[in-house]
Amino acid sequence: MTEKLHLFVSGLVQGVGFRHSLYRQALKLGLRGWVRNLPDGRVEALVQGERPAIEQLLAWSHRGPALARVDRVVATWEAAETASSSFEIVF
């Protein structure tokens, strides 16, 4: 069953490869959706797929790549819709 999670990650998460690392993790886990940097310094992602894979990405997002410092993750499960067929970085 496809599920959807909306993430906002705060801390030192821009300029340290967080967005690209999340993108790679999502692809590795077979997830669909998108990730982007926000003007306020946070990273936002909308992720769709099987719940166990999404939970793995959520756990990863609490630590991020080596140079990141994650202070806060706000995660909201939402009603699943028709999922996109890929995962992409949105600018």
PDB file of N, CA and C in Angstrom:
ATOM      1  N   MET A   1       0.841  -1.187   0.000  1.00  0.00           N
ATOM      2  CA  MET A   1       0.000   0.000   0.000  1.00  0.00           C
ATOM      3  C   MET A   1       0.884   1.248   0.000  1.00  0.00           C
ATOM      4  N   THR A   2       0.607   2.159  -0.895  1.00  0.00           N
ATOM      5  CA  THR A   2       1.390   3.382  -0.996  1.00  0.00           C
ATOM      6  C   THR A   2       0.983   4.369   0.094  1.00  0.00           C
ATOM      7  N   GLU A   3       1.989   4.954   0.729  1.00  0.00           N
ATOM      8  CA  GLU A   3       1.764   5.966   1.746  1.00  0.00           C
ATOM      9  C   GLU A   3       2.539   7.221   1.355  1.00  0.00           C
ATOM     10  N   LYS A   4       2.262   8.332   2.061  1.00  0.00           N
ATOM     11  CA  LYS A   4       2.917   9.602   1.734  1.00  0.00           C
ATOM     12  C   LYS A   4       3.347  10.300   3.016  1.00  0.00           C
ATOM     13  N   LEU A   5       4.555  10.853   2.997  1.00  0.00           N
ATOM     14  CA  LEU A   5       5.097  11.593   4.137  1.00  0.00           C
ATOM     15  C   LEU A   5       5.628  12.936   3.665  1.00  0.00           C
ATOM     16  N   HIS A   6       5.271  13.992   4.381  1.00  0.00           N
ATOM     17  CA  HIS A   6       5.746  15.349   4.101  1.00  0.00           C
ATOM     18  C   HIS A   6       6.754  15.698   5.186  1.00  0.00           C
ATOM     19  N   LEU A   7       7.972  16.047   4.786  1.00  0.00           N
ATOM     20  CA  LEU A   7       9.074  16.308   5.720  1.00  0.00           C
ATOM     21  C   LEU A   7       9.568  17.740   5.627  1.00  0.00           C
ATOM     22  N   PHE A   8       9.908  18.308   6.788  1.00  0.00           N
ATOM     23  CA  PHE A   8      10.630  19.570   6.869  1.00  0.00           C
ATOM     24  C   PHE A   8      11.807  19.327   7.806  1.00  0.00           C
ATOM     25  N   VAL A   9      13.025  19.578   7.316  1.00  0.00           N
ATOM     26  CA  VAL A   9      14.225  19.316   8.103  1.00  0.00           C
ATOM     27  C   VAL A   9      14.944  20.639   8.338  1.00  0.00           C
ATOM     28  N   SER A  10      15.227  20.928   9.613  1.00  0.00           N
ATOM     29  CA  SER A  10      15.888  22.183  10.005  1.00  0.00           C
ATOM     30  C   SER A  10      17.265  21.898  10.583  1.00  0.00           C
ATOM     31  N   GLY A  11      18.115  22.902  10.530  1.00  0.00           N
ATOM     32  CA  GLY A  11      19.475  22.810  11.059  1.00  0.00           C
ATOM     33  C   GLY A  11      20.438  23.275   9.984  1.00  0.00           C
ATOM     34  N   LEU A  12      21.633  22.725  10.010  1.00  0.00           N
ATOM     35  CA  LEU A  12      22.611  23.008   8.957  1.00  0.00           C
ATOM     36  C   LEU A  12      22.379  21.959   7.874  1.00  0.00           C
ATOM     37  N   VAL A  13      21.401  22.232   7.003  1.00  0.00           N
ATOM     38  CA  VAL A  13      20.985  21.247   6.008  1.00  0.00           C
ATOM     39  C   VAL A  13      21.064  21.769   4.573  1.00  0.00           C
ATOM     40  N   GLN A  14      21.530  23.002   4.401  1.00  0.00           N
ATOM     41  CA  GLN A  14      21.767  23.520   3.052  1.00  0.00           C
ATOM     42  C   GLN A  14      23.254  23.799   2.903  1.00  0.00           C
ATOM     43  N   GLY A  15      23.770  23.499   1.715  1.00  0.00           N
ATOM     44  CA  GLY A  15      25.190  23.711   1.442  1.00  0.00           C
ATOM     45  C   GLY A  15      26.074  22.589   1.965  1.00  0.00           C
ATOM     46  N   VAL A  16      25.461  21.482   2.411  1.00  0.00           N
ATOM     47  CA  VAL A  16      26.224  20.352   2.949  1.00  0.00           C
ATOM     48  C   VAL A  16      25.861  19.037   2.253  1.00  0.00           C
ATOM     49  N   GLY A  17      25.124  19.122   1.161  1.00  0.00           N
ATOM     50  CA  GLY A  17      24.757  17.938   0.392  1.00  0.00           C
ATOM     51  C   GLY A  17      23.548  17.186   0.915  1.00  0.00           C
ATOM     52  N   PHE A  18      22.771  17.793   1.808  1.00  0.00           N
ATOM     53  CA  PHE A  18      21.616  17.102   2.375  1.00  0.00           C
ATOM     54  C   PHE A  18      20.586  16.755   1.304  1.00  0.00           C
ATOM     55  N   ARG A  19      20.237  17.727   0.487  1.00  0.00           N
ATOM     56  CA  ARG A  19      19.204  17.520  -0.534  1.00  0.00           C
ATOM     57  C   ARG A  19      19.603  16.397  -1.497  1.00  0.00           C
ATOM     58  N   HIS A  20      20.830  16.430  -1.987  1.00  0.00           N
ATOM     59  CA  HIS A  20      21.287  15.403  -2.927  1.00  0.00           C
ATOM     60  C   HIS A  20      21.406  14.045  -2.251  1.00  0.00           C
ATOM     61  N   SER A  21      21.822  14.037  -0.988  1.00  0.00           N
ATOM     62  CA  SER A  21      21.919  12.771  -0.258  1.00  0.00           C
ATOM     63  C   SER A  21      20.540  12.170  -0.010  1.00  0.00           C
ATOM     64  N   LEU A  22      19.562  13.011   0.329  1.00  0.00           N
ATOM     65  CA  LEU A  22      18.199  12.517   0.518  1.00  0.00           C
ATOM     66  C   LEU A  22      17.663  11.959  -0.796  1.00  0.00           C
ATOM     67  N   TYR A  23      17.951  12.648  -1.877  1.00  0.00           N
ATOM     68  CA  TYR A  23      17.555  12.189  -3.212  1.00  0.00           C
ATOM     69  C   TYR A  23      18.117  10.787  -3.486  1.00  0.00           C
ATOM     70  N   ARG A  24      19.400  10.599  -3.232  1.00  0.00           N
ATOM     71  CA  ARG A  24      20.038   9.298  -3.466  1.00  0.00           C
ATOM     72  C   ARG A  24      19.441   8.215  -2.563  1.00  0.00           C
ATOM     73  N   GLN A  25      19.187   8.555  -1.301  1.00  0.00           N
ATOM     74  CA  GLN A  25      18.579   7.595  -0.373  1.00  0.00           C
ATOM     75  C   GLN A  25      17.192   7.187  -0.860  1.00  0.00           C
ATOM     76  N   ALA A  26      16.406   8.164  -1.303  1.00  0.00           N
ATOM     77  CA  ALA A  26      15.058   7.881  -1.782  1.00  0.00           C
ATOM     78  C   ALA A  26      15.093   6.955  -2.998  1.00  0.00           C
ATOM     79  N   LEU A  27      16.001   7.217  -3.927  1.00  0.00           N
ATOM     80  CA  LEU A  27      16.126   6.349  -5.101  1.00  0.00           C
ATOM     81  C   LEU A  27      16.517   4.935  -4.693  1.00  0.00           C
ATOM     82  N   LYS A  28      17.464   4.829  -3.765  1.00  0.00           N
ATOM     83  CA  LYS A  28      17.924   3.528  -3.304  1.00  0.00           C
ATOM     84  C   LYS A  28      16.778   2.730  -2.661  1.00  0.00           C
ATOM     85  N   LEU A  29      15.870   3.434  -1.997  1.00  0.00           N
ATOM     86  CA  LEU A  29      14.747   2.794  -1.315  1.00  0.00           C
ATOM     87  C   LEU A  29      13.519   2.604  -2.217  1.00  0.00           C
ATOM     88  N   GLY A  30      13.616   3.046  -3.473  1.00  0.00           N
ATOM     89  CA  GLY A  30      12.515   2.886  -4.415  1.00  0.00           C
ATOM     90  C   GLY A  30      11.345   3.825  -4.168  1.00  0.00           C
ATOM     91  N   LEU A  31      11.629   4.988  -3.582  1.00  0.00           N
ATOM     92  CA  LEU A  31      10.572   5.949  -3.263  1.00  0.00           C
ATOM     93  C   LEU A  31      10.348   6.927  -4.408  1.00  0.00           C
ATOM     94  N   ARG A  32       9.207   7.589  -4.380  1.00  0.00           N
ATOM     95  CA  ARG A  32       8.851   8.591  -5.382  1.00  0.00           C
ATOM     96  C   ARG A  32       8.560   9.901  -4.661  1.00  0.00           C
ATOM     97  N   GLY A  33       8.630  11.008  -5.399  1.00  0.00           N
ATOM     98  CA  GLY A  33       8.324  12.316  -4.818  1.00  0.00           C
ATOM     99  C   GLY A  33       9.352  13.355  -5.210  1.00  0.00           C
ATOM    100  N   TRP A  34       9.650  14.262  -4.263  1.00  0.00           N
ATOM    101  CA  TRP A  34      10.585  15.344  -4.565  1.00  0.00           C
ATOM    102  C   TRP A  34      11.214  15.880  -3.278  1.00  0.00           C
ATOM    103  N   VAL A  35      12.308  16.622  -3.448  1.00  0.00           N
ATOM    104  CA  VAL A  35      13.001  17.291  -2.352  1.00  0.00           C
ATOM    105  C   VAL A  35      13.457  18.656  -2.854  1.00  0.00           C
ATOM    106  N   ARG A  36      13.453  19.652  -1.967  1.00  0.00           N
ATOM    107  CA  ARG A  36      13.911  20.994  -2.353  1.00  0.00           C
ATOM    108  C   ARG A  36      14.419  21.754  -1.137  1.00  0.00           C
ATOM    109  N   ASN A  37      15.274  22.753  -1.411  1.00  0.00           N
ATOM    110  CA  ASN A  37      15.708  23.705  -0.389  1.00  0.00           C
ATOM    111  C   ASN A  37      14.656  24.802  -0.288  1.00  0.00           C
ATOM    112  N   LEU A  38      14.409  25.279   0.918  1.00  0.00           N
ATOM    113  CA  LEU A  38      13.491  26.394   1.135  1.00  0.00           C
ATOM    114  C   LEU A  38      14.281  27.663   1.425  1.00  0.00           C
ATOM    115  N   PRO A  39      13.722  28.830   1.121  1.00  0.00           N
ATOM    116  CA  PRO A  39      14.430  30.091   1.360  1.00  0.00           C
ATOM    117  C   PRO A  39      14.803  30.320   2.833  1.00  0.00           C
ATOM    118  N   ASP A  40      14.087  29.701   3.761  1.00  0.00           N
ATOM    119  CA  ASP A  40      14.365  29.895   5.189  1.00  0.00           C
ATOM    120  C   ASP A  40      15.465  28.974   5.729  1.00  0.00           C
ATOM    121  N   GLY A  41      16.112  28.185   4.851  1.00  0.00           N
ATOM    122  CA  GLY A  41      17.221  27.330   5.269  1.00  0.00           C
ATOM    123  C   GLY A  41      16.841  25.882   5.531  1.00  0.00           C
ATOM    124  N   ARG A  42      15.552  25.569   5.498  1.00  0.00           N
ATOM    125  CA  ARG A  42      15.124  24.189   5.706  1.00  0.00           C
ATOM    126  C   ARG A  42      15.143  23.417   4.385  1.00  0.00           C
ATOM    127  N   VAL A  43      15.043  22.100   4.505  1.00  0.00           N
ATOM    128  CA  VAL A  43      14.844  21.226   3.357  1.00  0.00           C
ATOM    129  C   VAL A  43      13.453  20.627   3.499  1.00  0.00           C
ATOM    130  N   GLU A  44      12.716  20.600   2.400  1.00  0.00           N
ATOM    131  CA  GLU A  44      11.366  20.033   2.368  1.00  0.00           C
ATOM    132  C   GLU A  44      11.353  18.859   1.408  1.00  0.00           C
ATOM    133  N   ALA A  45      10.625  17.811   1.781  1.00  0.00           N
ATOM    134  CA  ALA A  45      10.487  16.656   0.886  1.00  0.00           C
ATOM    135  C   ALA A  45       9.079  16.091   1.002  1.00  0.00           C
ATOM    136  N   LEU A  46       8.581  15.611  -0.102  1.00  0.00           N
ATOM    137  CA  LEU A  46       7.320  14.882  -0.144  1.00  0.00           C
ATOM    138  C   LEU A  46       7.654  13.511  -0.711  1.00  0.00           C
ATOM    139  N   VAL A  47       7.422  12.477   0.080  1.00  0.00           N
ATOM    140  CA  VAL A  47       7.886  11.135  -0.243  1.00  0.00           C
ATOM    141  C   VAL A  47       6.701  10.182  -0.297  1.00  0.00           C
ATOM    142  N   GLN A  48       6.661   9.351  -1.339  1.00  0.00           N
ATOM    143  CA  GLN A  48       5.595   8.360  -1.476  1.00  0.00           C
ATOM    144  C   GLN A  48       6.201   6.991  -1.743  1.00  0.00           C
ATOM    145  N   GLY A  49       5.555   5.979  -1.194  1.00  0.00           N
ATOM    146  CA  GLY A  49       6.015   4.612  -1.402  1.00  0.00           C
ATOM    147  C   GLY A  49       5.504   3.715  -0.304  1.00  0.00           C
ATOM    148  N   GLU A  50       6.179   2.585  -0.138  1.00  0.00           N
ATOM    149  CA  GLU A  50       5.808   1.634   0.906  1.00  0.00           C
ATOM    150  C   GLU A  50       6.275   2.169   2.263  1.00  0.00           C
ATOM    151  N   ARG A  51       5.440   2.012   3.285  1.00  0.00           N
ATOM    152  CA  ARG A  51       5.723   2.576   4.609  1.00  0.00           C
ATOM    153  C   ARG A  51       7.098   2.174   5.173  1.00  0.00           C
ATOM    154  N   PRO A  52       7.521   0.891   5.112  1.00  0.00           N
ATOM    155  CA  PRO A  52       8.837   0.553   5.671  1.00  0.00           C
ATOM    156  C   PRO A  52       9.982   1.342   5.022  1.00  0.00           C
ATOM    157  N   ALA A  53       9.898   1.554   3.709  1.00  0.00           N
ATOM    158  CA  ALA A  53      10.942   2.317   3.011  1.00  0.00           C
ATOM    159  C   ALA A  53      10.896   3.786   3.422  1.00  0.00           C
ATOM    160  N   ILE A  54       9.694   4.330   3.557  1.00  0.00           N
ATOM    161  CA  ILE A  54       9.570   5.729   3.993  1.00  0.00           C
ATOM    162  C   ILE A  54      10.116   5.883   5.405  1.00  0.00           C
ATOM    163  N   GLU A  55       9.838   4.916   6.273  1.00  0.00           N
ATOM    164  CA  GLU A  55      10.346   4.988   7.647  1.00  0.00           C
ATOM    165  C   GLU A  55      11.864   4.931   7.682  1.00  0.00           C
ATOM    166  N   GLN A  56      12.480   4.181   6.769  1.00  0.00           N
ATOM    167  CA  GLN A  56      13.942   4.156   6.682  1.00  0.00           C
ATOM    168  C   GLN A  56      14.476   5.530   6.281  1.00  0.00           C
ATOM    169  N   LEU A  57      13.820   6.169   5.311  1.00  0.00           N
ATOM    170  CA  LEU A  57      14.250   7.501   4.896  1.00  0.00           C
ATOM    171  C   LEU A  57      14.040   8.508   6.026  1.00  0.00           C
ATOM    172  N   LEU A  58      12.950   8.383   6.751  1.00  0.00           N
ATOM    173  CA  LEU A  58      12.686   9.273   7.890  1.00  0.00           C
ATOM    174  C   LEU A  58      13.780   9.124   8.942  1.00  0.00           C
ATOM    175  N   ALA A  59      14.156   7.907   9.266  1.00  0.00           N
ATOM    176  CA  ALA A  59      15.244   7.679  10.231  1.00  0.00           C
ATOM    177  C   ALA A  59      16.542   8.299   9.728  1.00  0.00           C
ATOM    178  N   TRP A  60      16.840   8.125   8.443  1.00  0.00           N
ATOM    179  CA  TRP A  60      18.050   8.717   7.855  1.00  0.00           C
ATOM    180  C   TRP A  60      18.007  10.241   7.964  1.00  0.00           C
ATOM    181  N   SER A  61      16.831  10.851   7.747  1.00  0.00           N
ATOM    182  CA  SER A  61      16.721  12.315   7.737  1.00  0.00           C
ATOM    183  C   SER A  61      17.033  12.937   9.093  1.00  0.00           C
ATOM    184  N   HIS A  62      16.962  12.174  10.163  1.00  0.00           N
ATOM    185  CA  HIS A  62      17.299  12.687  11.496  1.00  0.00           C
ATOM    186  C   HIS A  62      18.810  12.854  11.675  1.00  0.00           C
ATOM    187  N   ARG A  63      19.612  12.228  10.823  1.00  0.00           N
ATOM    188  CA  ARG A  63      21.064  12.403  10.909  1.00  0.00           C
ATOM    189  C   ARG A  63      21.640  13.049   9.649  1.00  0.00           C
ATOM    190  N   GLY A  64      21.137  12.668   8.458  1.00  0.00           N
ATOM    191  CA  GLY A  64      21.607  13.247   7.207  1.00  0.00           C
ATOM    192  C   GLY A  64      23.023  12.846   6.867  1.00  0.00           C
ATOM    193  N   PRO A  65      23.623  13.535   5.886  1.00  0.00           N
ATOM    194  CA  PRO A  65      25.001  13.242   5.493  1.00  0.00           C
ATOM    195  C   PRO A  65      25.986  13.762   6.549  1.00  0.00           C
ATOM    196  N   ALA A  66      27.242  13.391   6.395  1.00  0.00           N
ATOM    197  CA  ALA A  66      28.270  13.667   7.405  1.00  0.00           C
ATOM    198  C   ALA A  66      28.403  15.144   7.789  1.00  0.00           C
ATOM    199  N   LEU A  67      28.288  16.056   6.828  1.00  0.00           N
ATOM    200  CA  LEU A  67      28.512  17.472   7.122  1.00  0.00           C
ATOM    201  C   LEU A  67      27.274  18.191   7.657  1.00  0.00           C
ATOM    202  N   ALA A  68      26.142  17.536   7.644  1.00  0.00           N
ATOM    203  CA  ALA A  68      24.888  18.166   8.094  1.00  0.00           C
ATOM    204  C   ALA A  68      24.785  18.130   9.617  1.00  0.00           C
ATOM    205  N   ARG A  69      23.987  19.058  10.136  1.00  0.00           N
ATOM    206  CA  ARG A  69      23.599  19.046  11.552  1.00  0.00           C
ATOM    207  C   ARG A  69      22.081  19.212  11.576  1.00  0.00           C
ATOM    208  N   VAL A  70      21.391  18.146  11.889  1.00  0.00           N
ATOM    209  CA  VAL A  70      19.933  18.183  11.908  1.00  0.00           C
ATOM    210  C   VAL A  70      19.471  18.570  13.309  1.00  0.00           C
ATOM    211  N   ASP A  71      18.730  19.677  13.393  1.00  0.00           N
ATOM    212  CA  ASP A  71      18.189  20.131  14.671  1.00  0.00           C
ATOM    213  C   ASP A  71      16.758  19.662  14.883  1.00  0.00           C
ATOM    214  N   ARG A  72      15.991  19.558  13.808  1.00  0.00           N
ATOM    215  CA  ARG A  72      14.572  19.230  13.953  1.00  0.00           C
ATOM    216  C   ARG A  72      14.041  18.629  12.656  1.00  0.00           C
ATOM    217  N   VAL A  73      13.203  17.615  12.797  1.00  0.00           N
ATOM    218  CA  VAL A  73      12.499  17.022  11.664  1.00  0.00           C
ATOM    219  C   VAL A  73      11.017  17.042  11.995  1.00  0.00           C
ATOM    220  N   VAL A  74      10.242  17.675  11.138  1.00  0.00           N
ATOM    221  CA  VAL A  74       8.788  17.671  11.269  1.00  0.00           C
ATOM    222  C   VAL A  74       8.257  16.784  10.156  1.00  0.00           C
ATOM    223  N   ALA A  75       7.605  15.698  10.548  1.00  0.00           N
ATOM    224  CA  ALA A  75       7.115  14.718   9.586  1.00  0.00           C
ATOM    225  C   ALA A  75       5.619  14.544   9.767  1.00  0.00           C
ATOM    226  N   THR A  76       4.881  14.659   8.674  1.00  0.00           N
ATOM    227  CA  THR A  76       3.435  14.524   8.697  1.00  0.00           C
ATOM    228  C   THR A  76       2.998  13.486   7.677  1.00  0.00           C
ATOM    229  N   TRP A  77       2.349  12.433   8.159  1.00  0.00           N
ATOM    230  CA  TRP A  77       1.774  11.444   7.246  1.00  0.00           C
ATOM    231  C   TRP A  77       0.521  12.040   6.635  1.00  0.00           C
ATOM    232  N   GLU A  78       0.381  11.887   5.325  1.00  0.00           N
ATOM    233  CA  GLU A  78      -0.764  12.443   4.603  1.00  0.00           C
ATOM    234  C   GLU A  78      -1.451  11.345   3.808  1.00  0.00           C
ATOM    235  N   ALA A  79      -2.653  11.628   3.356  1.00  0.00           N
ATOM    236  CA  ALA A  79      -3.380  10.680   2.517  1.00  0.00           C
ATOM    237  C   ALA A  79      -2.619  10.482   1.207  1.00  0.00           C
ATOM    238  N   ALA A  80      -2.439   9.242   0.842  1.00  0.00           N
ATOM    239  CA  ALA A  80      -1.729   8.938  -0.404  1.00  0.00           C
ATOM    240  C   ALA A  80      -2.595   9.317  -1.590  1.00  0.00           C
ATOM    241  N   GLU A  81      -1.940   9.788  -2.641  1.00  0.00           N
ATOM    242  CA  GLU A  81      -2.615  10.123  -3.889  1.00  0.00           C
ATOM    243  C   GLU A  81      -1.944   9.328  -4.990  1.00  0.00           C
ATOM    244  N   THR A  82      -2.269   9.635  -6.185  1.00  0.00           N
ATOM    245  CA  THR A  82      -1.569   9.014  -7.306  1.00  0.00           C
ATOM    246  C   THR A  82      -0.107   9.452  -7.232  1.00  0.00           C
ATOM    247  N   ALA A  83       0.750   8.509  -7.104  1.00  0.00           N
ATOM    248  CA  ALA A  83       2.171   8.810  -6.939  1.00  0.00           C
ATOM    249  C   ALA A  83       2.833   9.114  -8.271  1.00  0.00           C
ATOM    250  N   SER A  84       3.823   9.984  -8.209  1.00  0.00           N
ATOM    251  CA  SER A  84       4.629  10.223  -9.402  1.00  0.00           C
ATOM    252  C   SER A  84       5.444   8.964  -9.660  1.00  0.00           C
ATOM    253  N   SER A  85       6.052   8.876 -10.814  1.00  0.00           N
ATOM    254  CA  SER A  85       6.783   7.663 -11.165  1.00  0.00           C
ATOM    255  C   SER A  85       8.273   7.770 -10.853  1.00  0.00           C
ATOM    256  N   SER A  86       8.707   8.892 -10.271  1.00  0.00           N
ATOM    257  CA  SER A  86      10.123   9.076 -10.005  1.00  0.00           C
ATOM    258  C   SER A  86      10.336   9.917  -8.752  1.00  0.00           C
ATOM    259  N   PHE A  87      11.594  10.111  -8.398  1.00  0.00           N
ATOM    260  CA  PHE A  87      11.952  11.032  -7.323  1.00  0.00           C
ATOM    261  C   PHE A  87      12.835  12.088  -7.940  1.00  0.00           C
ATOM    262  N   GLU A  88      12.591  13.348  -7.622  1.00  0.00           N
ATOM    263  CA  GLU A  88      13.354  14.418  -8.262  1.00  0.00           C
ATOM    264  C   GLU A  88      13.717  15.518  -7.280  1.00  0.00           C
ATOM    265  N   ILE A  89      14.722  16.279  -7.668  1.00  0.00           N
ATOM    266  CA  ILE A  89      15.104  17.493  -6.935  1.00  0.00           C
ATOM    267  C   ILE A  89      14.367  18.644  -7.593  1.00  0.00           C
ATOM    268  N   VAL A  90      13.653  19.414  -6.790  1.00  0.00           N
ATOM    269  CA  VAL A  90      12.884  20.543  -7.296  1.00  0.00           C
ATOM    270  C   VAL A  90      13.633  21.821  -6.945  1.00  0.00           C
ATOM    271  N   PHE A  91      13.716  22.740  -7.896  1.00  0.00           N
ATOM    272  CA  PHE A  91      14.410  24.012  -7.646  1.00  0.00           C
ATOM    273  C   PHE A  91      13.428  25.150  -7.559  1.00  0.00           C
TER     274      PHE A  91
END
